[in-house]
C-alpha atoms as a PDB file:
ATOM      1  CA  UNK A   1       5.570   6.149  21.471  1.00  0.00           C
ATOM      2  CA  UNK A   2       2.380   7.352  22.037  1.00  0.00           C
ATOM      3  CA  UNK A   3       0.688   8.865  19.293  1.00  0.00           C
ATOM      4  CA  UNK A   4      -1.028  12.341  19.714  1.00  0.00           C
ATOM      5  CA  UNK A   5      -4.032  12.694  18.155  1.00  0.00           C
ATOM      6  CA  UNK A   6      -4.958  15.876  18.991  1.00  0.00           C
ATOM      7  CA  UNK A   7      -2.810  18.816  19.686  1.00  0.00           C
ATOM      8  CA  UNK A   8      -2.760  21.519  21.726  1.00  0.00           C
ATOM      9  CA  UNK A   9      -0.306  23.757  20.749  1.00  0.00           C
ATOM     10  CA  UNK A  10       0.254  22.851  17.109  1.00  0.00           C
ATOM     11  CA  UNK A  11      -1.851  21.796  13.990  1.00  0.00           C
ATOM     12  CA  UNK A  12      -1.271  18.798  11.711  1.00  0.00           C
ATOM     13  CA  UNK A  13      -3.026  18.999   8.464  1.00  0.00           C
ATOM     14  CA  UNK A  14      -2.387  17.017   5.354  1.00  0.00           C
ATOM     15  CA  UNK A  15      -3.342  18.054   2.095  1.00  0.00           C
ATOM     16  CA  UNK A  16      -2.435  16.106  -1.580  1.00  0.00           C
ATOM     17  CA  UNK A  17       1.256  14.807  -0.338  1.00  0.00           C
ATOM     18  CA  UNK A  18       1.865  18.182   1.971  1.00  0.00           C
ATOM     19  CA  UNK A  19       1.850  18.372   5.803  1.00  0.00           C
ATOM     20  CA  UNK A  20       1.305  21.704   7.157  1.00  0.00           C
ATOM     21  CA  UNK A  21       2.425  21.649  11.238  1.00  0.00           C
ATOM     22  CA  UNK A  22       1.170  25.193  12.188  1.00  0.00           C
ATOM     23  CA  UNK A  23       2.491  26.048  15.413  1.00  0.00           C
ATOM     24  CA  UNK A  24      -0.162  27.869  17.386  1.00  0.00           C
ATOM     25  CA  UNK A  25      -0.493  29.604  20.337  1.00  0.00           C
ATOM     26  CA  UNK A  26      -0.978  33.437  18.338  1.00  0.00           C
ATOM     27  CA  UNK A  27      -2.664  34.701  21.106  1.00  0.00           C
ATOM     28  CA  UNK A  28       1.289  34.041  23.054  1.00  0.00           C
ATOM     29  CA  UNK A  29       2.716  34.867  19.417  1.00  0.00           C
ATOM     30  CA  UNK A  30       3.469  31.259  19.525  1.00  0.00           C
ATOM     31  CA  UNK A  31       6.018  30.981  22.236  1.00  0.00           C
ATOM     32  CA  UNK A  32       7.399  27.574  22.893  1.00  0.00           C
ATOM     33  CA  UNK A  33       7.102  25.295  25.875  1.00  0.00           C
ATOM     34  CA  UNK A  34       7.265  21.854  26.635  1.00  0.00           C
ATOM     35  CA  UNK A  35       3.853  21.215  25.209  1.00  0.00           C
ATOM     36  CA  UNK A  36       4.584  22.232  22.004  1.00  0.00           C
ATOM     37  CA  UNK A  37       8.093  20.887  22.557  1.00  0.00           C
ATOM     38  CA  UNK A  38       6.643  17.253  23.014  1.00  0.00           C
ATOM     39  CA  UNK A  39       3.944  17.831  20.212  1.00  0.00           C
ATOM     40  CA  UNK A  40       6.395  18.580  17.982  1.00  0.00           C
ATOM     41  CA  UNK A  41       8.532  15.209  18.195  1.00  0.00           C
ATOM     42  CA  UNK A  42       5.466  13.475  18.008  1.00  0.00           C
ATOM     43  CA  UNK A  43       4.067  15.262  14.696  1.00  0.00           C
ATOM     44  CA  UNK A  44       7.620  14.630  13.008  1.00  0.00           C
ATOM     45  CA  UNK A  45       7.557  11.699  13.869  1.00  0.00           C
ATOM     46  CA  UNK A  46       4.335  10.635  12.917  1.00  0.00           C
ATOM     47  CA  UNK A  47       4.938  12.366   9.609  1.00  0.00           C
ATOM     48  CA  UNK A  48       7.934   9.512   8.898  1.00  0.00           C
ATOM     49  CA  UNK A  49       5.807   6.699   9.402  1.00  0.00           C
ATOM     50  CA  UNK A  50       2.707   8.106   7.206  1.00  0.00           C
ATOM     51  CA  UNK A  51       3.645   7.428   3.252  1.00  0.00           C
ATOM     52  CA  UNK A  52       1.026  10.263   2.382  1.00  0.00           C
ATOM     53  CA  UNK A  53       2.890  13.143   3.589  1.00  0.00           C
ATOM     54  CA  UNK A  54       5.437  13.445   0.919  1.00  0.00           C
ATOM     55  CA  UNK A  55       6.635  17.579   2.492  1.00  0.00           C
ATOM     56  CA  UNK A  56       6.525  18.660   6.069  1.00  0.00           C
ATOM     57  CA  UNK A  57       6.220  22.653   6.043  1.00  0.00           C
ATOM     58  CA  UNK A  58       6.361  24.553   9.151  1.00  0.00           C
ATOM     59  CA  UNK A  59       4.602  28.144   9.908  1.00  0.00           C
ATOM     60  CA  UNK A  60       3.443  30.193  12.761  1.00  0.00           C
ATOM     61  CA  UNK A  61      -0.398  30.712  13.418  1.00  0.00           C
ATOM     62  CA  UNK A  62      -1.357  34.757  13.443  1.00  0.00           C
ATOM     63  CA  UNK A  63       1.305  37.047  13.141  1.00  0.00           C
ATOM     64  CA  UNK A  64       4.304  35.515  14.684  1.00  0.00           C
ATOM     65  CA  UNK A  65       6.329  32.038  13.756  1.00  0.00           C
ATOM     66  CA  UNK A  66       7.536  31.619  17.201  1.00  0.00           C
ATOM     67  CA  UNK A  67       8.622  34.570  19.606  1.00  0.00           C
ATOM     68  CA  UNK A  68      10.888  31.915  21.525  1.00  0.00           C
ATOM     69  CA  UNK A  69      10.679  30.939  24.862  1.00  0.00           C
ATOM     70  CA  UNK A  70       7.340  31.060  27.325  1.00  0.00           C
ATOM     71  CA  UNK A  71       8.702  33.420  29.521  1.00  0.00           C
ATOM     72  CA  UNK A  72       5.729  33.647  31.870  1.00  0.00           C
ATOM     73  CA  UNK A  73       7.368  31.595  34.092  1.00  0.00           C
ATOM     74  CA  UNK A  74       9.901  34.655  35.003  1.00  0.00           C
ATOM     75  CA  UNK A  75      13.417  33.739  36.189  1.00  0.00           C
ATOM     76  CA  UNK A  76      12.592  29.921  36.783  1.00  0.00           C
ATOM     77  CA  UNK A  77      11.670  29.221  32.458  1.00  0.00           C
ATOM     78  CA  UNK A  78      14.858  27.584  32.282  1.00  0.00           C
ATOM     79  CA  UNK A  79      15.451  25.823  36.213  1.00  0.00           C
ATOM     80  CA  UNK A  80      16.472  22.257  35.217  1.00  0.00           C
ATOM     81  CA  UNK A  81      13.309  21.280  37.428  1.00  0.00           C
ATOM     82  CA  UNK A  82      11.118  22.026  33.630  1.00  0.00           C
ATOM     83  CA  UNK A  83      13.204  20.181  31.433  1.00  0.00           C
ATOM     84  CA  UNK A  84      13.629  16.200  30.949  1.00  0.00           C
ATOM     85  CA  UNK A  85      15.791  13.605  30.771  1.00  0.00           C
ATOM     86  CA  UNK A  86      19.466  14.100  30.770  1.00  0.00           C
ATOM     87  CA  UNK A  87      22.286  13.709  28.358  1.00  0.00           C
ATOM     88  CA  UNK A  88      26.569  13.042  30.327  1.00  0.00           C
ATOM     89  CA  UNK A  89      24.753  14.183  32.993  1.00  0.00           C
ATOM     90  CA  UNK A  90      22.823  17.703  32.324  1.00  0.00           C
ATOM     91  CA  UNK A  91      19.266  17.724  31.767  1.00  0.00           C
ATOM     92  CA  UNK A  92      18.277  17.575  28.078  1.00  0.00           C
ATOM     93  CA  UNK A  93      17.602  20.822  25.941  1.00  0.00           C
ATOM     94  CA  UNK A  94      14.175  21.115  24.839  1.00  0.00           C
ATOM     95  CA  UNK A  95      15.029  22.824  21.669  1.00  0.00           C
ATOM     96  CA  UNK A  96      17.533  20.517  20.952  1.00  0.00           C
ATOM     97  CA  UNK A  97      14.637  17.577  20.844  1.00  0.00           C
ATOM     98  CA  UNK A  98      13.100  19.123  18.046  1.00  0.00           C
ATOM     99  CA  UNK A  99      16.323  20.081  16.126  1.00  0.00           C
ATOM    100  CA  UNK A 100      17.319  17.091  16.618  1.00  0.00           C
ATOM    101  CA  UNK A 101      14.173  14.964  15.608  1.00  0.00           C
ATOM    102  CA  UNK A 102      14.221  17.503  12.501  1.00  0.00           C
ATOM    103  CA  UNK A 103      17.665  16.641  11.685  1.00  0.00           C
ATOM    104  CA  UNK A 104      16.472  13.026  11.490  1.00  0.00           C
ATOM    105  CA  UNK A 105      13.613  13.252   9.569  1.00  0.00           C
ATOM    106  CA  UNK A 106      13.039  11.399   6.430  1.00  0.00           C
ATOM    107  CA  UNK A 107      10.579  14.073   4.620  1.00  0.00           C
ATOM    108  CA  UNK A 108      12.098  17.195   3.339  1.00  0.00           C
ATOM    109  CA  UNK A 109      11.298  20.239   5.520  1.00  0.00           C
ATOM    110  CA  UNK A 110      10.200  23.460   4.674  1.00  0.00           C
ATOM    111  CA  UNK A 111      10.076  26.421   7.070  1.00  0.00           C
ATOM    112  CA  UNK A 112       7.526  29.204   6.013  1.00  0.00           C
ATOM    113  CA  UNK A 113       8.619  32.195   8.641  1.00  0.00           C
ATOM    114  CA  UNK A 114       5.578  34.461   9.072  1.00  0.00           C
ATOM    115  CA  UNK A 115       6.579  36.792  11.539  1.00  0.00           C
ATOM    116  CA  UNK A 116       8.574  37.065  14.355  1.00  0.00           C
ATOM    117  CA  UNK A 117      10.903  34.180  15.121  1.00  0.00           C
ATOM    118  CA  UNK A 118      13.547  34.751  17.954  1.00  0.00           C
ATOM    119  CA  UNK A 119      15.258  32.326  20.392  1.00  0.00           C
ATOM    120  CA  UNK A 120      14.155  28.813  20.086  1.00  0.00           C
ATOM    121  CA  UNK A 121      11.528  30.218  17.421  1.00  0.00           C
ATOM    122  CA  UNK A 122      14.971  30.682  14.943  1.00  0.00           C
ATOM    123  CA  UNK A 123      17.080  27.731  15.867  1.00  0.00           C
ATOM    124  CA  UNK A 124      14.650  24.958  15.478  1.00  0.00           C
ATOM    125  CA  UNK A 125      14.279  26.456  11.532  1.00  0.00           C
ATOM    126  CA  UNK A 126      17.879  25.789  11.346  1.00  0.00           C
ATOM    127  CA  UNK A 127      17.157  22.072  10.801  1.00  0.00           C
ATOM    128  CA  UNK A 128      14.835  22.564   8.571  1.00  0.00           C
ATOM    129  CA  UNK A 129      15.873  22.253   4.327  1.00  0.00           C
ATOM    130  CA  UNK A 130      14.515  25.542   3.181  1.00  0.00           C
ATOM    131  CA  UNK A 131      13.415  28.241   5.205  1.00  0.00           C
ATOM    132  CA  UNK A 132      10.843  30.817   2.862  1.00  0.00           C
ATOM    133  CA  UNK A 133      10.409  34.174   4.978  1.00  0.00           C
ATOM    134  CA  UNK A 134       7.684  36.819   4.530  1.00  0.00           C
ATOM    135  CA  UNK A 135       9.094  40.652   4.421  1.00  0.00           C
ATOM    136  CA  UNK A 136       7.389  41.533   7.894  1.00  0.00           C
ATOM    137  CA  UNK A 137       9.663  38.654   9.383  1.00  0.00           C
ATOM    138  CA  UNK A 138      12.529  39.148  12.047  1.00  0.00           C
ATOM    139  CA  UNK A 139      14.682  37.288  13.508  1.00  0.00           C
ATOM    140  CA  UNK A 140      17.044  37.165  16.624  1.00  0.00           C
ATOM    141  CA  UNK A 141      19.318  34.871  18.480  1.00  0.00           C
ATOM    142  CA  UNK A 142      19.046  36.647  21.722  1.00  0.00           C
ATOM    143  CA  UNK A 143      20.429  33.756  24.420  1.00  0.00           C
ATOM    144  CA  UNK A 144      23.445  36.830  24.999  1.00  0.00           C
ATOM    145  CA  UNK A 145      20.547  39.033  26.026  1.00  0.00           C
ATOM    146  CA  UNK A 146      18.969  36.856  28.094  1.00  0.00           C
ATOM    147  CA  UNK A 147      22.298  35.516  30.478  1.00  0.00           C
ATOM    148  CA  UNK A 148      21.724  31.833  28.981  1.00  0.00           C
ATOM    149  CA  UNK A 149      23.784  30.954  25.560  1.00  0.00           C
ATOM    150  CA  UNK A 150      22.289  29.556  22.411  1.00  0.00           C
ATOM    151  CA  UNK A 151      20.410  26.039  22.085  1.00  0.00           C
ATOM    152  CA  UNK A 152      19.084  23.595  19.588  1.00  0.00           C
ATOM    153  CA  UNK A 153      22.535  22.531  18.609  1.00  0.00           C
ATOM    154  CA  UNK A 154      22.424  26.074  16.899  1.00  0.00           C
ATOM    155  CA  UNK A 155      25.743  26.445  17.445  1.00  0.00           C
ATOM    156  CA  UNK A 156      25.993  23.184  15.017  1.00  0.00           C
ATOM    157  CA  UNK A 157      23.914  24.449  12.561  1.00  0.00           C
ATOM    158  CA  UNK A 158      24.053  27.850  12.339  1.00  0.00           C
ATOM    159  CA  UNK A 159      27.610  28.076  10.963  1.00  0.00           C
ATOM    160  CA  UNK A 160      27.425  25.213   8.190  1.00  0.00           C
ATOM    161  CA  UNK A 161      24.510  27.567   6.818  1.00  0.00           C
ATOM    162  CA  UNK A 162      25.438  30.909   6.832  1.00  0.00           C
ATOM    163  CA  UNK A 163      29.019  30.529   7.911  1.00  0.00           C
ATOM    164  CA  UNK A 164      31.337  31.017  11.170  1.00  0.00           C
ATOM    165  CA  UNK A 165      31.965  34.890  11.050  1.00  0.00           C
ATOM    166  CA  UNK A 166      28.015  35.966  10.260  1.00  0.00           C
ATOM    167  CA  UNK A 167      27.139  33.310  12.630  1.00  0.00           C
ATOM    168  CA  UNK A 168      29.122  34.687  15.364  1.00  0.00           C
ATOM    169  CA  UNK A 169      27.784  38.354  14.961  1.00  0.00           C
ATOM    170  CA  UNK A 170      24.745  37.526  15.388  1.00  0.00           C
ATOM    171  CA  UNK A 171      24.968  35.006  18.404  1.00  0.00           C
ATOM    172  CA  UNK A 172      27.237  37.705  20.503  1.00  0.00           C
ATOM    173  CA  UNK A 173      25.435  40.633  19.437  1.00  0.00           C
ATOM    174  CA  UNK A 174      22.062  38.782  20.310  1.00  0.00           C
ATOM    175  CA  UNK A 175      20.147  41.680  18.293  1.00  0.00           C
ATOM    176  CA  UNK A 176      17.048  41.296  16.181  1.00  0.00           C
ATOM    177  CA  UNK A 177      17.569  41.513  12.395  1.00  0.00           C
ATOM    178  CA  UNK A 178      14.986  42.003   9.646  1.00  0.00           C
ATOM    179  CA  UNK A 179      14.023  39.394   6.673  1.00  0.00           C
ATOM    180  CA  UNK A 180      16.382  41.318   4.205  1.00  0.00           C
ATOM    181  CA  UNK A 181      19.601  40.884   6.703  1.00  0.00           C
ATOM    182  CA  UNK A 182      18.340  37.064   7.058  1.00  0.00           C
ATOM    183  CA  UNK A 183      18.611  37.101   3.144  1.00  0.00           C
ATOM    184  CA  UNK A 184      21.312  38.491   2.413  1.00  0.00           C
ATOM    185  CA  UNK A 185      23.375  36.217   5.116  1.00  0.00           C
ATOM    186  CA  UNK A 186      21.953  33.259   3.731  1.00  0.00           C
ATOM    187  CA  UNK A 187      19.178  32.401   6.312  1.00  0.00           C
ATOM    188  CA  UNK A 188      16.527  32.107   4.419  1.00  0.00           C
ATOM    189  CA  UNK A 189      16.001  31.176   0.601  1.00  0.00           C
ATOM    190  CA  UNK A 190      13.933  34.063  -0.449  1.00  0.00           C
ATOM    191  CA  UNK A 191      11.642  36.854   1.099  1.00  0.00           C
ATOM    192  CA  UNK A 192       7.484  37.067   0.044  1.00  0.00           C
ATOM    193  CA  UNK A 193       4.901  39.739   0.887  1.00  0.00           C
ATOM    194  CA  UNK A 194       2.646  38.068   3.660  1.00  0.00           C
ATOM    195  CA  UNK A 195       0.136  36.539   1.765  1.00  0.00           C
ATOM    196  CA  UNK A 196       2.430  35.235  -0.724  1.00  0.00           C
ATOM    197  CA  UNK A 197       4.196  33.214   1.395  1.00  0.00           C
ATOM    198  CA  UNK A 198       2.762  30.177   1.926  1.00  0.00           C
ATOM    199  CA  UNK A 199       1.861  30.080  -1.452  1.00  0.00           C
ATOM    200  CA  UNK A 200       5.603  30.131  -2.360  1.00  0.00           C
ATOM    201  CA  UNK A 201       6.321  27.570   0.132  1.00  0.00           C
ATOM    202  CA  UNK A 202       3.244  25.132  -1.122  1.00  0.00           C
ATOM    203  CA  UNK A 203       4.647  25.552  -4.750  1.00  0.00           C
ATOM    204  CA  UNK A 204       8.384  24.569  -3.858  1.00  0.00           C
ATOM    205  CA  UNK A 205       6.377  21.357  -1.675  1.00  0.00           C
ATOM    206  CA  UNK A 206       4.863  20.433  -4.578  1.00  0.00           C
ATOM    207  CA  UNK A 207       7.481  20.215  -7.034  1.00  0.00           C
ATOM    208  CA  UNK A 208       9.452  17.775  -4.903  1.00  0.00           C
ATOM    209  CA  UNK A 209       6.176  16.044  -3.630  1.00  0.00           C
ATOM    210  CA  UNK A 210       4.892  15.300  -7.452  1.00  0.00           C
ATOM    211  CA  UNK A 211       8.431  14.873  -9.136  1.00  0.00           C
ATOM    212  CA  UNK A 212      10.650  12.781  -7.032  1.00  0.00           C
ATOM    213  CA  UNK A 213      11.159   9.417  -5.566  1.00  0.00           C
ATOM    214  CA  UNK A 214      10.241   9.535  -1.636  1.00  0.00           C
ATOM    215  CA  UNK A 215      12.829   6.895  -0.820  1.00  0.00           C
ATOM    216  CA  UNK A 216      15.516   9.124  -2.669  1.00  0.00           C
ATOM    217  CA  UNK A 217      14.761  12.069  -1.488  1.00  0.00           C
ATOM    218  CA  UNK A 218      14.853  10.804   2.123  1.00  0.00           C
ATOM    219  CA  UNK A 219      18.125   9.234   1.361  1.00  0.00           C
ATOM    220  CA  UNK A 220      19.632  12.401  -0.642  1.00  0.00           C
ATOM    221  CA  UNK A 221      18.458  14.326   3.011  1.00  0.00           C
ATOM    222  CA  UNK A 222      20.299  11.662   5.122  1.00  0.00           C
ATOM    223  CA  UNK A 223      23.674  11.655   2.736  1.00  0.00           C
ATOM    224  CA  UNK A 224      23.567  15.570   2.671  1.00  0.00           C
ATOM    225  CA  UNK A 225      23.497  16.163   6.512  1.00  0.00           C
ATOM    226  CA  UNK A 226      25.449  13.067   7.671  1.00  0.00           C
ATOM    227  CA  UNK A 227      28.190  14.216   4.985  1.00  0.00           C
ATOM    228  CA  UNK A 228      29.234  17.914   6.720  1.00  0.00           C
ATOM    229  CA  UNK A 229      30.456  15.687   9.606  1.00  0.00           C
ATOM    230  CA  UNK A 230      33.051  14.133   7.590  1.00  0.00           C
ATOM    231  CA  UNK A 231      36.477  14.859   7.370  1.00  0.00           C
ATOM    232  CA  UNK A 232      37.068  14.286   3.914  1.00  0.00           C
ATOM    233  CA  UNK A 233      34.730  14.184   0.351  1.00  0.00           C
ATOM    234  CA  UNK A 234      35.546  10.202   0.815  1.00  0.00           C
ATOM    235  CA  UNK A 235      33.449   9.424   3.689  1.00  0.00           C
ATOM    236  CA  UNK A 236      30.585  11.004   1.299  1.00  0.00           C
ATOM    237  CA  UNK A 237      31.806   8.528  -1.368  1.00  0.00           C
ATOM    238  CA  UNK A 238      31.405   5.422   0.407  1.00  0.00           C
ATOM    239  CA  UNK A 239      28.167   6.571   1.334  1.00  0.00           C
ATOM    240  CA  UNK A 240      27.148   7.784  -1.980  1.00  0.00           C
ATOM    241  CA  UNK A 241      28.407   4.651  -3.189  1.00  0.00           C
ATOM    242  CA  UNK A 242      26.458   2.397  -1.247  1.00  0.00           C
ATOM    243  CA  UNK A 243      23.087   4.320  -1.692  1.00  0.00           C
ATOM    244  CA  UNK A 244      23.461   4.204  -5.404  1.00  0.00           C
ATOM    245  CA  UNK A 245      24.108   0.383  -5.223  1.00  0.00           C
ATOM    246  CA  UNK A 246      20.806  -0.142  -3.222  1.00  0.00           C
ATOM    247  CA  UNK A 247      18.700   2.280  -5.050  1.00  0.00           C
ATOM    248  CA  UNK A 248      20.150   1.151  -8.637  1.00  0.00           C
ATOM    249  CA  UNK A 249      17.895  -2.395  -8.144  1.00  0.00           C
ATOM    250  CA  UNK A 250      14.953  -0.670  -6.762  1.00  0.00           C
ATOM    251  CA  UNK A 251      11.699  -0.169  -8.533  1.00  0.00           C
ATOM    252  CA  UNK A 252      11.961   3.325  -8.318  1.00  0.00           C
ATOM    253  CA  UNK A 253      14.760   3.962 -10.495  1.00  0.00           C
ATOM    254  CA  UNK A 254      13.017   1.673 -13.463  1.00  0.00           C
ATOM    255  CA  UNK A 255      10.020   3.792 -12.838  1.00  0.00           C
ATOM    256  CA  UNK A 256      12.252   6.916 -13.261  1.00  0.00           C
ATOM    257  CA  UNK A 257      13.882   5.740 -15.919  1.00  0.00           C
ATOM    258  CA  UNK A 258      10.490   4.545 -17.519  1.00  0.00           C
ATOM    259  CA  UNK A 259       8.606   8.173 -16.729  1.00  0.00           C
ATOM    260  CA  UNK A 260      11.670  10.019 -18.320  1.00  0.00           C
ATOM    261  CA  UNK A 261      11.815   7.796 -21.762  1.00  0.00           C
ATOM    262  CA  UNK A 262       7.761   7.782 -22.189  1.00  0.00           C
ATOM    263  CA  UNK A 263       7.492  11.750 -21.065  1.00  0.00           C
ATOM    264  CA  UNK A 264       5.348  11.134 -18.192  1.00  0.00           C
ATOM    265  CA  UNK A 265       5.093  12.137 -14.784  1.00  0.00           C
ATOM    266  CA  UNK A 266       6.579   9.575 -12.671  1.00  0.00           C
ATOM    267  CA  UNK A 267       4.342   7.270  -9.853  1.00  0.00           C
ATOM    268  CA  UNK A 268       7.392   5.849  -8.014  1.00  0.00           C
ATOM    269  CA  UNK A 269       6.151   2.715  -5.874  1.00  0.00           C
ATOM    270  CA  UNK A 270       8.657   2.863  -3.240  1.00  0.00           C
ATOM    271  CA  UNK A 271       7.740   3.751   0.412  1.00  0.00           C
ATOM    272  CA  UNK A 272       9.550   5.609   3.092  1.00  0.00           C
ATOM    273  CA  UNK A 273       7.968   3.885   6.056  1.00  0.00           C
ATOM    274  CA  UNK A 274       9.618   0.189   4.797  1.00  0.00           C
ATOM    275  CA  UNK A 275      12.002   1.061   1.811  1.00  0.00           C
ATOM    276  CA  UNK A 276      14.289   2.998   2.476  1.00  0.00           C
ATOM    277  CA  UNK A 277      17.523   1.469   2.973  1.00  0.00           C
ATOM    278  CA  UNK A 278      20.289   1.571   5.812  1.00  0.00           C
ATOM    279  CA  UNK A 279      23.538   2.764   3.974  1.00  0.00           C
ATOM    280  CA  UNK A 280      25.322   3.852   7.084  1.00  0.00           C
ATOM    281  CA  UNK A 281      25.500   0.976  10.090  1.00  0.00           C
ATOM    282  CA  UNK A 282      28.650  -0.912  10.702  1.00  0.00           C
ATOM    283  CA  UNK A 283      28.944  -3.615   9.929  1.00  0.00           C
ATOM    284  CA  UNK A 284      27.997  -3.230   6.241  1.00  0.00           C
ATOM    285  CA  UNK A 285      25.759  -5.884   4.185  1.00  0.00           C
ATOM    286  CA  UNK A 286      27.256  -8.431   2.387  1.00  0.00           C
ATOM    287  CA  UNK A 287      26.714  -6.527  -1.020  1.00  0.00           C
ATOM    288  CA  UNK A 288      28.820  -3.286   0.456  1.00  0.00           C
ATOM    289  CA  UNK A 289      31.870  -5.869   1.268  1.00  0.00           C
ATOM    290  CA  UNK A 290      33.840  -5.011  -1.577  1.00  0.00           C
ATOM    291  CA  UNK A 291      33.516  -0.946  -0.527  1.00  0.00           C
ATOM    292  CA  UNK A 292      36.254   0.470   0.894  1.00  0.00           C
ATOM    293  CA  UNK A 293      35.595   1.773   4.562  1.00  0.00           C
END
């Protein structure tokens, strides 16, 4: 995939292990476009390959997080000619391409929702691992009020986050609701005054970046999300056993134990770009032969 070194509609800034991706169309309330979609997919791919990135924080420029799809194209906004590729003979949903790329991320993703997050502006946050919101943020799954349907795999993510009853209420009514309701419903982890939102997100990001093994976090994230699809906890047990077997022989575990015993900060040597084992593929490697599948 071609690397984009200069983005038009997002900003990509790395500082001390934390990547901040900023949706950057402030004069348009960061409305989502095909260009923004391509740049977001590229940015998360770039982040996965960069071992200097430990955590990703996503926020918006100006007073909005993302006001949804750019509707300046009028009634043709969702015309199939504006999309790229197909899946099962249907044109690909652009928001879904972003959500699936975030889902596949090997770095933990924190959403810092600084203002209105509507339509794809909220559905793109669902595969993020933690969502923090400004007290002034507003949320809306407004699709049914526009004559379309929820996208970005949100009908998969949302009920897993907030439960099916709350999810269908928000999806069916299409109403816009405030940060307090988002917090009560479990959509966001916490709310903050606007000027305290990014500091809170960065504090959480630093806790991850400074205290944990990047390889362990990448695997834990994959184990959790994939585990949501398993029919029984036994399948998670098999995947956990494979992951424990491999990580138990890697240098990171020795460093983790040594730093604990020596009462010092850890310096994990593992690299996400090269050291994350595949514990999900079939056929399984020789070391997993004795594990039931």
